[in-house]
Amino acid sequence: MRKDIHPNNYRDVVFKDMSNDEITITKSTVNTKETIELEGKEYPLYKVEISSSSHPFYTGKMKFVDSAGRVDRFNQRYKKK
């Protein structure tokens, strides 16, 4: 194996699912700008839009998306005059 190709700045980071406020603490090297305090300790915070706790594949719940309404609004906004 090649030496010195893996980062060595692993630290505990909080990943927060913004759709359901699920929090996961794991080791990561991701760059963050925000912090959060949990259990009396301050952690770097990384916000994610979707995780296994909110993804329809894992939860079995499908979220209905009104794609026809979006298309109609787009066409009305950018229709030729």
PDB file of N, CA and C in Angstrom:
ATOM      1  N   MET A   1       0.827  -1.179   0.000  1.00  0.00           N
ATOM      2  CA  MET A   1       0.000   0.000   0.000  1.00  0.00           C
ATOM      3  C   MET A   1       0.874   1.245   0.000  1.00  0.00           C
ATOM      4  N   ARG A   2       0.378   2.290  -0.661  1.00  0.00           N
ATOM      5  CA  ARG A   2       1.126   3.553  -0.660  1.00  0.00           C
ATOM      6  C   ARG A   2       0.958   4.250   0.672  1.00  0.00           C
ATOM      7  N   LYS A   3       1.994   4.897   1.093  1.00  0.00           N
ATOM      8  CA  LYS A   3       1.971   5.605   2.363  1.00  0.00           C
ATOM      9  C   LYS A   3       1.550   7.052   2.156  1.00  0.00           C
ATOM     10  N   ASP A   4       0.963   7.641   3.213  1.00  0.00           N
ATOM     11  CA  ASP A   4       0.607   9.060   3.264  1.00  0.00           C
ATOM     12  C   ASP A   4      -0.403   9.484   2.195  1.00  0.00           C
ATOM     13  N   ILE A   5      -1.346   8.616   1.823  1.00  0.00           N
ATOM     14  CA  ILE A   5      -2.378   9.035   0.875  1.00  0.00           C
ATOM     15  C   ILE A   5      -3.725   9.273   1.567  1.00  0.00           C
ATOM     16  N   HIS A   6      -3.873   8.835   2.803  1.00  0.00           N
ATOM     17  CA  HIS A   6      -5.116   9.022   3.530  1.00  0.00           C
ATOM     18  C   HIS A   6      -4.992  10.202   4.483  1.00  0.00           C
ATOM     19  N   PRO A   7      -6.077  10.959   4.654  1.00  0.00           N
ATOM     20  CA  PRO A   7      -6.020  12.092   5.591  1.00  0.00           C
ATOM     21  C   PRO A   7      -5.881  11.604   7.022  1.00  0.00           C
ATOM     22  N   ASN A   8      -5.272  12.419   7.830  1.00  0.00           N
ATOM     23  CA  ASN A   8      -5.116  12.038   9.229  1.00  0.00           C
ATOM     24  C   ASN A   8      -5.740  13.072  10.165  1.00  0.00           C
ATOM     25  N   ASN A   9      -6.720  13.825   9.668  1.00  0.00           N
ATOM     26  CA  ASN A   9      -7.410  14.800  10.502  1.00  0.00           C
ATOM     27  C   ASN A   9      -8.855  14.366  10.773  1.00  0.00           C
ATOM     28  N   TYR A  10      -9.064  13.073  11.042  1.00  0.00           N
ATOM     29  CA  TYR A  10     -10.387  12.571  11.387  1.00  0.00           C
ATOM     30  C   TYR A  10     -10.795  13.113  12.746  1.00  0.00           C
ATOM     31  N   ARG A  11     -12.063  13.498  12.859  1.00  0.00           N
ATOM     32  CA  ARG A  11     -12.591  13.994  14.122  1.00  0.00           C
ATOM     33  C   ARG A  11     -14.080  13.662  14.162  1.00  0.00           C
ATOM     34  N   ASP A  12     -14.683  13.740  15.344  1.00  0.00           N
ATOM     35  CA  ASP A  12     -16.124  13.519  15.466  1.00  0.00           C
ATOM     36  C   ASP A  12     -16.863  14.693  14.845  1.00  0.00           C
ATOM     37  N   VAL A  13     -17.831  14.393  13.971  1.00  0.00           N
ATOM     38  CA  VAL A  13     -18.635  15.405  13.293  1.00  0.00           C
ATOM     39  C   VAL A  13     -20.097  15.011  13.423  1.00  0.00           C
ATOM     40  N   VAL A  14     -20.972  16.005  13.630  1.00  0.00           N
ATOM     41  CA  VAL A  14     -22.409  15.772  13.692  1.00  0.00           C
ATOM     42  C   VAL A  14     -22.991  16.002  12.310  1.00  0.00           C
ATOM     43  N   PHE A  15     -23.687  14.986  11.770  1.00  0.00           N
ATOM     44  CA  PHE A  15     -24.422  15.100  10.519  1.00  0.00           C
ATOM     45  C   PHE A  15     -25.889  15.233  10.886  1.00  0.00           C
ATOM     46  N   LYS A  16     -26.520  16.333  10.452  1.00  0.00           N
ATOM     47  CA  LYS A  16     -27.915  16.597  10.806  1.00  0.00           C
ATOM     48  C   LYS A  16     -28.767  16.567   9.547  1.00  0.00           C
ATOM     49  N   ASP A  17     -29.759  15.683   9.533  1.00  0.00           N
ATOM     50  CA  ASP A  17     -30.717  15.589   8.431  1.00  0.00           C
ATOM     51  C   ASP A  17     -31.718  16.726   8.606  1.00  0.00           C
ATOM     52  N   MET A  18     -31.772  17.646   7.643  1.00  0.00           N
ATOM     53  CA  MET A  18     -32.611  18.828   7.774  1.00  0.00           C
ATOM     54  C   MET A  18     -34.094  18.533   7.571  1.00  0.00           C
ATOM     55  N   SER A  19     -34.442  17.401   6.973  1.00  0.00           N
ATOM     56  CA  SER A  19     -35.853  17.111   6.739  1.00  0.00           C
ATOM     57  C   SER A  19     -36.548  16.542   7.976  1.00  0.00           C
ATOM     58  N   ASN A  20     -35.815  15.885   8.866  1.00  0.00           N
ATOM     59  CA  ASN A  20     -36.459  15.332  10.062  1.00  0.00           C
ATOM     60  C   ASN A  20     -35.638  15.546  11.342  1.00  0.00           C
ATOM     61  N   ASP A  21     -34.604  16.342  11.284  1.00  0.00           N
ATOM     62  CA  ASP A  21     -33.757  16.692  12.444  1.00  0.00           C
ATOM     63  C   ASP A  21     -33.084  15.497  13.102  1.00  0.00           C
ATOM     64  N   GLU A  22     -32.872  14.422  12.351  1.00  0.00           N
ATOM     65  CA  GLU A  22     -32.125  13.260  12.843  1.00  0.00           C
ATOM     66  C   GLU A  22     -30.644  13.632  12.934  1.00  0.00           C
ATOM     67  N   ILE A  23     -29.993  13.246  14.013  1.00  0.00           N
ATOM     68  CA  ILE A  23     -28.585  13.592  14.240  1.00  0.00           C
ATOM     69  C   ILE A  23     -27.764  12.320  14.321  1.00  0.00           C
ATOM     70  N   THR A  24     -26.614  12.324  13.611  1.00  0.00           N
ATOM     71  CA  THR A  24     -25.678  11.208  13.645  1.00  0.00           C
ATOM     72  C   THR A  24     -24.289  11.752  13.931  1.00  0.00           C
ATOM     73  N   ILE A  25     -23.609  11.146  14.878  1.00  0.00           N
ATOM     74  CA  ILE A  25     -22.227  11.541  15.187  1.00  0.00           C
ATOM     75  C   ILE A  25     -21.317  10.445  14.660  1.00  0.00           C
ATOM     76  N   THR A  26     -20.347  10.843  13.825  1.00  0.00           N
ATOM     77  CA  THR A  26     -19.401   9.884  13.268  1.00  0.00           C
ATOM     78  C   THR A  26     -18.085  10.596  12.991  1.00  0.00           C
ATOM     79  N   LYS A  27     -17.056   9.830  12.745  1.00  0.00           N
ATOM     80  CA  LYS A  27     -15.760  10.419  12.424  1.00  0.00           C
ATOM     81  C   LYS A  27     -15.716  10.785  10.950  1.00  0.00           C
ATOM     82  N   SER A  28     -15.169  11.961  10.652  1.00  0.00           N
ATOM     83  CA  SER A  28     -15.125  12.442   9.280  1.00  0.00           C
ATOM     84  C   SER A  28     -14.028  13.499   9.138  1.00  0.00           C
ATOM     85  N   THR A  29     -13.684  13.792   7.892  1.00  0.00           N
ATOM     86  CA  THR A  29     -12.723  14.857   7.601  1.00  0.00           C
ATOM     87  C   THR A  29     -13.403  16.015   6.873  1.00  0.00           C
ATOM     88  N   VAL A  30     -14.736  16.001   6.799  1.00  0.00           N
ATOM     89  CA  VAL A  30     -15.477  17.018   6.068  1.00  0.00           C
ATOM     90  C   VAL A  30     -15.235  18.401   6.687  1.00  0.00           C
ATOM     91  N   ASN A  31     -15.121  19.419   5.818  1.00  0.00           N
ATOM     92  CA  ASN A  31     -14.929  20.798   6.283  1.00  0.00           C
ATOM     93  C   ASN A  31     -16.282  21.388   6.658  1.00  0.00           C
ATOM     94  N   THR A  32     -16.351  22.017   7.814  1.00  0.00           N
ATOM     95  CA  THR A  32     -17.592  22.621   8.288  1.00  0.00           C
ATOM     96  C   THR A  32     -17.344  24.035   8.757  1.00  0.00           C
ATOM     97  N   LYS A  33     -18.397  24.844   8.729  1.00  0.00           N
ATOM     98  CA  LYS A  33     -18.311  26.216   9.223  1.00  0.00           C
ATOM     99  C   LYS A  33     -19.117  26.412  10.493  1.00  0.00           C
ATOM    100  N   GLU A  34     -20.080  25.510  10.740  1.00  0.00           N
ATOM    101  CA  GLU A  34     -20.957  25.637  11.898  1.00  0.00           C
ATOM    102  C   GLU A  34     -20.591  24.605  12.958  1.00  0.00           C
ATOM    103  N   THR A  35     -21.018  24.889  14.181  1.00  0.00           N
ATOM    104  CA  THR A  35     -20.813  23.951  15.280  1.00  0.00           C
ATOM    105  C   THR A  35     -22.140  23.761  16.014  1.00  0.00           C
ATOM    106  N   ILE A  36     -22.207  22.695  16.783  1.00  0.00           N
ATOM    107  CA  ILE A  36     -23.393  22.396  17.589  1.00  0.00           C
ATOM    108  C   ILE A  36     -22.915  21.813  18.911  1.00  0.00           C
ATOM    109  N   GLU A  37     -23.663  22.115  19.980  1.00  0.00           N
ATOM    110  CA  GLU A  37     -23.301  21.568  21.290  1.00  0.00           C
ATOM    111  C   GLU A  37     -24.265  20.447  21.640  1.00  0.00           C
ATOM    112  N   LEU A  38     -23.705  19.275  21.892  1.00  0.00           N
ATOM    113  CA  LEU A  38     -24.482  18.101  22.285  1.00  0.00           C
ATOM    114  C   LEU A  38     -23.832  17.477  23.504  1.00  0.00           C
ATOM    115  N   GLU A  39     -24.646  17.183  24.496  1.00  0.00           N
ATOM    116  CA  GLU A  39     -24.174  16.511  25.704  1.00  0.00           C
ATOM    117  C   GLU A  39     -22.992  17.235  26.345  1.00  0.00           C
ATOM    118  N   GLY A  40     -23.006  18.557  26.289  1.00  0.00           N
ATOM    119  CA  GLY A  40     -21.961  19.352  26.910  1.00  0.00           C
ATOM    120  C   GLY A  40     -20.672  19.445  26.119  1.00  0.00           C
ATOM    121  N   LYS A  41     -20.658  18.935  24.902  1.00  0.00           N
ATOM    122  CA  LYS A  41     -19.457  18.974  24.077  1.00  0.00           C
ATOM    123  C   LYS A  41     -19.795  19.635  22.747  1.00  0.00           C
ATOM    124  N   GLU A  42     -18.866  20.408  22.203  1.00  0.00           N
ATOM    125  CA  GLU A  42     -19.080  21.109  20.938  1.00  0.00           C
ATOM    126  C   GLU A  42     -18.502  20.298  19.781  1.00  0.00           C
ATOM    127  N   TYR A  43     -19.331  20.097  18.747  1.00  0.00           N
ATOM    128  CA  TYR A  43     -18.945  19.329  17.573  1.00  0.00           C
ATOM    129  C   TYR A  43     -19.097  20.181  16.318  1.00  0.00           C
ATOM    130  N   PRO A  44     -18.301  19.909  15.284  1.00  0.00           N
ATOM    131  CA  PRO A  44     -18.563  20.527  13.982  1.00  0.00           C
ATOM    132  C   PRO A  44     -19.889  19.989  13.442  1.00  0.00           C
ATOM    133  N   LEU A  45     -20.662  20.835  12.755  1.00  0.00           N
ATOM    134  CA  LEU A  45     -21.979  20.460  12.242  1.00  0.00           C
ATOM    135  C   LEU A  45     -21.974  20.476  10.724  1.00  0.00           C
ATOM    136  N   TYR A  46     -22.463  19.382  10.128  1.00  0.00           N
ATOM    137  CA  TYR A  46     -22.618  19.292   8.676  1.00  0.00           C
ATOM    138  C   TYR A  46     -24.078  18.959   8.397  1.00  0.00           C
ATOM    139  N   LYS A  47     -24.763  19.833   7.638  1.00  0.00           N
ATOM    140  CA  LYS A  47     -26.184  19.652   7.358  1.00  0.00           C
ATOM    141  C   LYS A  47     -26.361  18.907   6.035  1.00  0.00           C
ATOM    142  N   VAL A  48     -27.235  17.892   6.052  1.00  0.00           N
ATOM    143  CA  VAL A  48     -27.543  17.126   4.851  1.00  0.00           C
ATOM    144  C   VAL A  48     -29.042  17.233   4.578  1.00  0.00           C
ATOM    145  N   GLU A  49     -29.410  17.192   3.299  1.00  0.00           N
ATOM    146  CA  GLU A  49     -30.814  17.302   2.917  1.00  0.00           C
ATOM    147  C   GLU A  49     -31.561  15.982   3.104  1.00  0.00           C
ATOM    148  N   ILE A  50     -30.882  14.881   2.895  1.00  0.00           N
ATOM    149  CA  ILE A  50     -31.541  13.580   2.987  1.00  0.00           C
ATOM    150  C   ILE A  50     -30.542  12.558   3.509  1.00  0.00           C
ATOM    151  N   SER A  51     -31.032  11.645   4.334  1.00  0.00           N
ATOM    152  CA  SER A  51     -30.180  10.585   4.883  1.00  0.00           C
ATOM    153  C   SER A  51     -30.992   9.290   4.900  1.00  0.00           C
ATOM    154  N   SER A  52     -30.423   8.253   5.440  1.00  0.00           N
ATOM    155  CA  SER A  52     -31.138   6.980   5.487  1.00  0.00           C
ATOM    156  C   SER A  52     -32.379   7.064   6.370  1.00  0.00           C
ATOM    157  N   SER A  53     -32.437   8.011   7.291  1.00  0.00           N
ATOM    158  CA  SER A  53     -33.615   8.137   8.152  1.00  0.00           C
ATOM    159  C   SER A  53     -34.773   8.851   7.470  1.00  0.00           C
ATOM    160  N   SER A  54     -34.521   9.510   6.321  1.00  0.00           N
ATOM    161  CA  SER A  54     -35.604  10.204   5.630  1.00  0.00           C
ATOM    162  C   SER A  54     -35.750   9.797   4.165  1.00  0.00           C
ATOM    163  N   HIS A  55     -34.855   8.967   3.660  1.00  0.00           N
ATOM    164  CA  HIS A  55     -34.922   8.556   2.258  1.00  0.00           C
ATOM    165  C   HIS A  55     -36.063   7.557   2.049  1.00  0.00           C
ATOM    166  N   PRO A  56     -36.880   7.750   0.998  1.00  0.00           N
ATOM    167  CA  PRO A  56     -38.023   6.854   0.781  1.00  0.00           C
ATOM    168  C   PRO A  56     -37.641   5.388   0.623  1.00  0.00           C
ATOM    169  N   PHE A  57     -36.490   5.088   0.100  1.00  0.00           N
ATOM    170  CA  PHE A  57     -36.076   3.695  -0.065  1.00  0.00           C
ATOM    171  C   PHE A  57     -35.957   3.002   1.288  1.00  0.00           C
ATOM    172  N   TYR A  58     -35.429   3.694   2.290  1.00  0.00           N
ATOM    173  CA  TYR A  58     -35.226   3.099   3.605  1.00  0.00           C
ATOM    174  C   TYR A  58     -36.466   3.195   4.489  1.00  0.00           C
ATOM    175  N   THR A  59     -37.256   4.253   4.319  1.00  0.00           N
ATOM    176  CA  THR A  59     -38.425   4.443   5.174  1.00  0.00           C
ATOM    177  C   THR A  59     -39.665   3.743   4.641  1.00  0.00           C
ATOM    178  N   GLY A  60     -39.716   3.491   3.333  1.00  0.00           N
ATOM    179  CA  GLY A  60     -40.886   2.866   2.727  1.00  0.00           C
ATOM    180  C   GLY A  60     -42.022   3.830   2.475  1.00  0.00           C
ATOM    181  N   LYS A  61     -41.807   5.119   2.735  1.00  0.00           N
ATOM    182  CA  LYS A  61     -42.831   6.135   2.526  1.00  0.00           C
ATOM    183  C   LYS A  61     -42.433   6.997   1.334  1.00  0.00           C
ATOM    184  N   MET A  62     -43.311   7.067   0.368  1.00  0.00           N
ATOM    185  CA  MET A  62     -43.042   7.887  -0.815  1.00  0.00           C
ATOM    186  C   MET A  62     -43.616   9.279  -0.595  1.00  0.00           C
ATOM    187  N   LYS A  63     -42.877  10.286  -0.999  1.00  0.00           N
ATOM    188  CA  LYS A  63     -43.332  11.654  -0.903  1.00  0.00           C
ATOM    189  C   LYS A  63     -43.848  12.075  -2.272  1.00  0.00           C
ATOM    190  N   PHE A  64     -45.093  12.555  -2.344  1.00  0.00           N
ATOM    191  CA  PHE A  64     -45.675  12.968  -3.613  1.00  0.00           C
ATOM    192  C   PHE A  64     -45.123  14.325  -3.999  1.00  0.00           C
ATOM    193  N   VAL A  65     -44.604  14.411  -5.223  1.00  0.00           N
ATOM    194  CA  VAL A  65     -44.057  15.657  -5.746  1.00  0.00           C
ATOM    195  C   VAL A  65     -44.971  16.134  -6.875  1.00  0.00           C
ATOM    196  N   ASP A  66     -45.414  17.355  -6.795  1.00  0.00           N
ATOM    197  CA  ASP A  66     -46.318  17.922  -7.787  1.00  0.00           C
ATOM    198  C   ASP A  66     -45.504  18.405  -8.984  1.00  0.00           C
ATOM    199  N   SER A  67     -45.065  17.472  -9.829  1.00  0.00           N
ATOM    200  CA  SER A  67     -44.225  17.841 -10.965  1.00  0.00           C
ATOM    201  C   SER A  67     -45.026  18.567 -12.036  1.00  0.00           C
ATOM    202  N   ALA A  68     -46.297  18.216 -12.203  1.00  0.00           N
ATOM    203  CA  ALA A  68     -47.114  18.883 -13.218  1.00  0.00           C
ATOM    204  C   ALA A  68     -47.294  20.353 -12.865  1.00  0.00           C
ATOM    205  N   GLY A  69     -47.509  20.645 -11.605  1.00  0.00           N
ATOM    206  CA  GLY A  69     -47.648  22.039 -11.183  1.00  0.00           C
ATOM    207  C   GLY A  69     -46.383  22.844 -11.413  1.00  0.00           C
ATOM    208  N   ARG A  70     -45.245  22.225 -11.191  1.00  0.00           N
ATOM    209  CA  ARG A  70     -43.976  22.916 -11.418  1.00  0.00           C
ATOM    210  C   ARG A  70     -43.760  23.194 -12.891  1.00  0.00           C
ATOM    211  N   VAL A  71     -44.101  22.230 -13.733  1.00  0.00           N
ATOM    212  CA  VAL A  71     -43.938  22.405 -15.176  1.00  0.00           C
ATOM    213  C   VAL A  71     -44.854  23.527 -15.676  1.00  0.00           C
ATOM    214  N   ASP A  72     -46.091  23.534 -15.205  1.00  0.00           N
ATOM    215  CA  ASP A  72     -47.027  24.584 -15.608  1.00  0.00           C
ATOM    216  C   ASP A  72     -46.535  25.961 -15.178  1.00  0.00           C
ATOM    217  N   ARG A  73     -46.054  26.068 -13.961  1.00  0.00           N
ATOM    218  CA  ARG A  73     -45.532  27.363 -13.497  1.00  0.00           C
ATOM    219  C   ARG A  73     -44.329  27.795 -14.320  1.00  0.00           C
ATOM    220  N   PHE A  74     -43.459  26.841 -14.670  1.00  0.00           N
ATOM    221  CA  PHE A  74     -42.290  27.160 -15.497  1.00  0.00           C
ATOM    222  C   PHE A  74     -42.735  27.665 -16.861  1.00  0.00           C
ATOM    223  N   ASN A  75     -43.690  26.961 -17.482  1.00  0.00           N
ATOM    224  CA  ASN A  75     -44.165  27.362 -18.807  1.00  0.00           C
ATOM    225  C   ASN A  75     -44.845  28.728 -18.777  1.00  0.00           C
ATOM    226  N   GLN A  76     -45.602  29.013 -17.723  1.00  0.00           N
ATOM    227  CA  GLN A  76     -46.242  30.319 -17.617  1.00  0.00           C
ATOM    228  C   GLN A  76     -45.215  31.421 -17.424  1.00  0.00           C
ATOM    229  N   ARG A  77     -44.195  31.150 -16.672  1.00  0.00           N
ATOM    230  CA  ARG A  77     -43.193  32.164 -16.387  1.00  0.00           C
ATOM    231  C   ARG A  77     -42.357  32.493 -17.626  1.00  0.00           C
ATOM    232  N   TYR A  78     -42.043  31.478 -18.428  1.00  0.00           N
ATOM    233  CA  TYR A  78     -41.125  31.672 -19.547  1.00  0.00           C
ATOM    234  C   TYR A  78     -41.789  31.502 -20.922  1.00  0.00           C
ATOM    235  N   LYS A  79     -43.112  31.622 -20.991  1.00  0.00           N
ATOM    236  CA  LYS A  79     -43.780  31.471 -22.274  1.00  0.00           C
ATOM    237  C   LYS A  79     -43.452  32.649 -23.178  1.00  0.00           C
ATOM    238  N   LYS A  80     -43.520  32.403 -24.471  1.00  0.00           N
ATOM    239  CA  LYS A  80     -43.247  33.463 -25.432  1.00  0.00           C
ATOM    240  C   LYS A  80     -44.416  34.421 -25.464  1.00  0.00           C
ATOM    241  N   LYS A  81     -44.102  35.689 -25.553  1.00  0.00           N
ATOM    242  CA  LYS A  81     -45.152  36.716 -25.560  1.00  0.00           C
ATOM    243  C   LYS A  81     -45.507  37.090 -26.966  1.00  0.00           C
TER     244      LYS A  81
END
